[in-house]
Amino acid sequence: MAKAIRIQRTGGPEVLRLEEVNVGDPGPGEARVRQTAIGLNFVDTYHRTGLYPLPLPSGLGVEGAGVVEAVGAGVVHVRAGDRVAYAGPLGSYADVRLVPADRLVKLPEGVSDRVAAAILLKGLTVHALVRRTHAVKPGETVLWHAAAGGVGLIAVQWLKALGATVIGTAGSDEKAALARAHGCDHVIVYTREEFPKRVRELTGGAGVPVVYDSVGKATFDGSLDCLAPLGLMVSFGNASGAVPPFDIGVLSRKGSLFLTRPTVFTYTAKREDLERGASELFELVRAGKLKVEIGRTWPLAQAADAHRALEGRETSGSILLIP
């Protein structure tokens, strides 16, 4: 029997339970993957708490890497023995699982299983945000909140590879130093500085063309104040809580601003988009332009402890569960 973390109800980390599950053989279009590393992401906590509702009972987790054990009928792009990773199919908190094969990407030489599990979802998210939601141009200055987080550290490096100037925010001096070490040009410690005021100072009063905000409620209003006229607010997370309803007239009053709420799963729904994003991500890793920061690892059975650390903002970089 395989082992998997499942939830019978929503709630705090205590609802995570390690259970024995029967995986079976892959059906048409499926692959059975024995996992070697599992990525833990903030969206997992949204699923656990019910912020993003799931049919219950349910598995948890959307990212993993491992080796294909078997494939079902009609699967041609992966085969038994291939090292693979995926981002999207729910249920990654497991040692063995079935995965829709069209969501799997093969791992090239030079990209380890742990690195892939640490960066694929985060890296595809960054690709969607900086290459498609707003195609960042050389010379642009952007604001990225939580620059020392798992997504943030990847984003800072990718933005620098694109030729951007990066203003980041962080919650402590230690996290600010980590963001700088990964290429952040300016880091604002938001616990003691007014980040909108500081952004205006750094841009000579002009503001930035785009803000990437995964913090949510605590930073939303201030983020709007950082934008230049016709700027784009990219709200893609709720680490501090969901953004409450607001008067959209605020957008016109602050300079005819744009607002979007993207999700990586929309941007990677087509296989060609998934492959293109993964290819660009892995090439940056192989070229040494993207250093992967794996902050901590936990055994699969200690997933609840990992959730507590993530929600307590005790982590930096990417964190993994190891089956």
Foldseek 3Di string as FASTA:
>chain_A
DWWAWKAQAADALVRTAIDDDDADQAAPQKWKFQFFWAFDDPVQNCDRNCVPDDPPGFGTGFKTWGFTCQYYPPDDPDGGGFTWMFGGDGGRLIRMHMDRNLRIDTADPLQDRHNRNQPLQLLLVLCCVCCPVPVDAAAFEEEEEPLQAASNLQNQLVCVVRNYAYEYEDQDPVSQVNSVVSPHNHYHNVVPDLVLVVLCVVVVNQAGQEYEAACAQVCVVSNLSRHHAQHEYEHEHHLPHHHDDDDCVVCVVSHVYHYDHDDSCVQPVDSVSSVVSVVVSSVCSNVVSRDADAWEEAASRVVSVVSVCVSVVVTGHIYIYGD
